[in-house]
C-alpha atoms as a PDB file:
ATOM      1  CA  MET A   1      94.038 108.520 107.164  1.00  0.00           C
ATOM      2  CA  ALA A   2      97.157 109.269 105.598  1.00  0.00           C
ATOM      3  CA  PHE A   3     100.740 108.349 106.579  1.00  0.00           C
ATOM      4  CA  SER A   4     102.510 110.604 109.135  1.00  0.00           C
ATOM      5  CA  GLU A   5     105.560 112.575 107.851  1.00  0.00           C
ATOM      6  CA  LEU A   6     107.998 110.012 109.236  1.00  0.00           C
ATOM      7  CA  GLU A   7     106.081 107.102 107.819  1.00  0.00           C
ATOM      8  CA  LEU A   8     105.788 108.805 104.513  1.00  0.00           C
ATOM      9  CA  ALA A   9     109.573 109.638 104.377  1.00  0.00           C
ATOM     10  CA  ARG A  10     110.200 105.775 105.116  1.00  0.00           C
ATOM     11  CA  VAL A  11     107.857 104.701 102.354  1.00  0.00           C
ATOM     12  CA  ARG A  12     109.268 107.008  99.743  1.00  0.00           C
ATOM     13  CA  ARG A  13     112.833 105.989 100.747  1.00  0.00           C
ATOM     14  CA  THR A  14     111.874 102.317 100.391  1.00  0.00           C
ATOM     15  CA  MET A  15     110.069 102.729  97.078  1.00  0.00           C
ATOM     16  CA  GLU A  16     112.847 104.985  95.621  1.00  0.00           C
ATOM     17  CA  ALA A  17     115.386 102.173  96.381  1.00  0.00           C
ATOM     18  CA  TYR A  18     112.969  99.565  94.839  1.00  0.00           C
ATOM     19  CA  LEU A  19     112.717 101.530  91.717  1.00  0.00           C
ATOM     20  CA  VAL A  20     116.450 101.949  91.427  1.00  0.00           C
ATOM     21  CA  ARG A  21     116.747  98.044  91.496  1.00  0.00           C
ATOM     22  CA  ARG A  22     113.581  97.160  89.295  1.00  0.00           C
ATOM     23  CA  ARG A  23     113.330  99.917  86.644  1.00  0.00           C
ATOM     24  CA  PRO A  24     114.125  98.897  83.072  1.00  0.00           C
ATOM     25  CA  PRO A  25     117.356 100.144  81.301  1.00  0.00           C
ATOM     26  CA  PRO A  26     117.441 103.725  80.636  1.00  0.00           C
ATOM     27  CA  ALA A  27     117.316 103.330  77.018  1.00  0.00           C
ATOM     28  CA  ILE A  28     113.736 101.959  77.082  1.00  0.00           C
ATOM     29  CA  ARG A  29     112.284 104.048  79.906  1.00  0.00           C
ATOM     30  CA  PRO A  30     110.526 106.451  77.384  1.00  0.00           C
ATOM     31  CA  GLU A  31     108.567 103.458  76.152  1.00  0.00           C
ATOM     32  CA  LEU A  32     108.274 101.506  79.399  1.00  0.00           C
ATOM     33  CA  ASP A  33     108.969 102.470  82.977  1.00  0.00           C
ATOM     34  CA  LEU A  34     107.822 101.719  86.497  1.00  0.00           C
ATOM     35  CA  GLY A  35     106.560 104.188  89.080  1.00  0.00           C
ATOM     36  CA  TYR A  36     104.433 104.399  92.191  1.00  0.00           C
ATOM     37  CA  SER A  37     101.823 106.596  93.843  1.00  0.00           C
ATOM     38  CA  ILE A  38     100.703 106.972  97.400  1.00  0.00           C
ATOM     39  CA  GLU A  39      97.124 107.274  98.099  1.00  0.00           C
ATOM     40  CA  GLY A  40      96.046 107.642 101.716  1.00  0.00           C
ATOM     41  CA  GLN A  41      97.595 104.518 103.426  1.00  0.00           C
ATOM     42  CA  SER A  42      98.239 102.674 100.163  1.00  0.00           C
ATOM     43  CA  VAL A  43     101.234 102.483  97.910  1.00  0.00           C
ATOM     44  CA  ILE A  44     100.413 101.466  94.260  1.00  0.00           C
ATOM     45  CA  ILE A  45     103.046 100.193  91.840  1.00  0.00           C
ATOM     46  CA  HIS A  46     102.411 100.893  88.227  1.00  0.00           C
ATOM     47  CA  GLU A  47     103.878 100.415  84.699  1.00  0.00           C
ATOM     48  CA  ASP A  48     104.083 103.445  82.632  1.00  0.00           C
ATOM     49  CA  ARG A  49     103.835 102.579  78.889  1.00  0.00           C
ATOM     50  CA  LEU A  50     103.951 104.750  75.838  1.00  0.00           C
ATOM     51  CA  LEU A  51     100.914 103.848  73.614  1.00  0.00           C
ATOM     52  CA  TYR A  52     100.869 103.726  69.829  1.00  0.00           C
ATOM     53  CA  ASP A  53      99.283 107.197  69.510  1.00  0.00           C
ATOM     54  CA  GLY A  54     101.854 108.947  71.737  1.00  0.00           C
ATOM     55  CA  SER A  55      99.691 108.902  74.883  1.00  0.00           C
ATOM     56  CA  ARG A  56     100.713 107.299  78.177  1.00  0.00           C
ATOM     57  CA  SER A  57      99.086 104.400  79.933  1.00  0.00           C
ATOM     58  CA  LEU A  58      99.528 103.796  83.797  1.00  0.00           C
ATOM     59  CA  GLN A  59      98.838 100.075  84.465  1.00  0.00           C
ATOM     60  CA  PRO A  60      98.607  99.130  88.131  1.00  0.00           C
ATOM     61  CA  VAL A  61     100.743  96.120  89.061  1.00  0.00           C
ATOM     62  CA  ALA A  62     100.354  95.823  92.884  1.00  0.00           C
ATOM     63  CA  LYS A  63      98.867  97.741  95.856  1.00  0.00           C
ATOM     64  CA  ALA A  64     100.116  97.624  99.466  1.00  0.00           C
ATOM     65  CA  THR A  65      97.960  99.096 102.221  1.00  0.00           C
ATOM     66  CA  TRP A  66      99.220  99.865 105.647  1.00  0.00           C
ATOM     67  CA  VAL A  67      96.764  98.957 108.483  1.00  0.00           C
ATOM     68  CA  LYS A  68      98.148 101.060 111.322  1.00  0.00           C
ATOM     69  CA  THR A  69      95.889  99.323 114.021  1.00  0.00           C
ATOM     70  CA  GLN A  70      97.373  95.950 113.155  1.00  0.00           C
ATOM     71  CA  LYS A  71     100.904  97.095 112.166  1.00  0.00           C
ATOM     72  CA  VAL A  72     100.737  95.055 108.946  1.00  0.00           C
ATOM     73  CA  TRP A  73     100.673  95.710 105.139  1.00  0.00           C
ATOM     74  CA  LYS A  74      97.998  93.986 103.215  1.00  0.00           C
ATOM     75  CA  ILE A  75      98.864  93.193  99.595  1.00  0.00           C
ATOM     76  CA  PHE A  76      96.490  93.285  96.692  1.00  0.00           C
ATOM     77  CA  TRP A  77      96.543  92.419  92.828  1.00  0.00           C
ATOM     78  CA  MET A  78      94.238  93.560  90.300  1.00  0.00           C
ATOM     79  CA  ARG A  79      92.296  90.922  88.421  1.00  0.00           C
ATOM     80  CA  ALA A  80      90.784  91.018  85.039  1.00  0.00           C
ATOM     81  CA  ASP A  81      87.706  92.588  86.595  1.00  0.00           C
ATOM     82  CA  LEU A  82      89.686  95.708  87.324  1.00  0.00           C
ATOM     83  CA  ARG A  83      89.182  95.410  91.017  1.00  0.00           C
ATOM     84  CA  TRP A  84      91.721  94.919  93.742  1.00  0.00           C
ATOM     85  CA  HIS A  85      91.822  91.396  95.349  1.00  0.00           C
ATOM     86  CA  GLY A  86      93.777  90.284  98.291  1.00  0.00           C
ATOM     87  CA  TYR A  87      96.897  88.257  97.445  1.00  0.00           C
ATOM     88  CA  GLU A  88      96.334  85.154  99.444  1.00  0.00           C
ATOM     89  CA  PRO A  89      99.798  83.576  99.285  1.00  0.00           C
ATOM     90  CA  LEU A  90     101.226  86.531 101.113  1.00  0.00           C
ATOM     91  CA  ALA A  91      98.126  88.397 102.601  1.00  0.00           C
ATOM     92  CA  ARG A  92      99.770  90.223 105.416  1.00  0.00           C
ATOM     93  CA  VAL A  93     103.348  91.152 106.008  1.00  0.00           C
ATOM     94  CA  ARG A  94     105.182  93.332 108.496  1.00  0.00           C
ATOM     95  CA  THR A  95     107.331  95.552 106.376  1.00  0.00           C
ATOM     96  CA  LEU A  96     107.092  97.195 103.083  1.00  0.00           C
ATOM     97  CA  ASP A  97     110.362  95.468 102.080  1.00  0.00           C
ATOM     98  CA  ASP A  98     108.480  92.306 102.444  1.00  0.00           C
ATOM     99  CA  VAL A  99     105.709  93.533 100.280  1.00  0.00           C
ATOM    100  CA  LEU A 100     108.205  94.240  97.529  1.00  0.00           C
ATOM    101  CA  SER A 101     109.960  90.886  97.830  1.00  0.00           C
ATOM    102  CA  GLY A 102     106.667  89.199  97.440  1.00  0.00           C
ATOM    103  CA  VAL A 103     105.740  91.253  94.370  1.00  0.00           C
ATOM    104  CA  ASP A 104     109.036  90.529  92.869  1.00  0.00           C
ATOM    105  CA  ALA A 105     108.898  86.772  93.599  1.00  0.00           C
ATOM    106  CA  ASP A 106     105.380  86.493  92.034  1.00  0.00           C
ATOM    107  CA  PRO A 107     105.232  82.735  92.045  1.00  0.00           C
ATOM    108  CA  TYR A 108     101.576  82.665  90.617  1.00  0.00           C
ATOM    109  CA  GLY A 109     102.270  85.413  87.908  1.00  0.00           C
ATOM    110  CA  CYS A 110      99.580  87.792  89.518  1.00  0.00           C
ATOM    111  CA  PHE A 111     101.620  91.020  89.294  1.00  0.00           C
ATOM    112  CA  TRP A 112     104.224  90.537  86.470  1.00  0.00           C
ATOM    113  CA  GLY A 113     102.238  88.159  84.188  1.00  0.00           C
END
């Protein structure tokens, strides 16, 4: 089930504000940038890198999934096996802002290395 129009507007507003704070300086954005995508009830943060051959690579950083019945966001990180795994230190939070704060803090180096 996808987000409602109101929920989608809130998610987009929150994510756009996050990107304003977190994106690299404009001078290097052609080589390295941040973005996000919305897939169903999930928001995926990704790095967008320019590769040596001129192609682009979207590398997932974090995923947050809204569980409407529980009114919580679940946070996931991608391990070396290329599968999403629950982020145990902060498995469930109430707001998308809490998700983004946890991803930024990253005390175990799961998201930003």
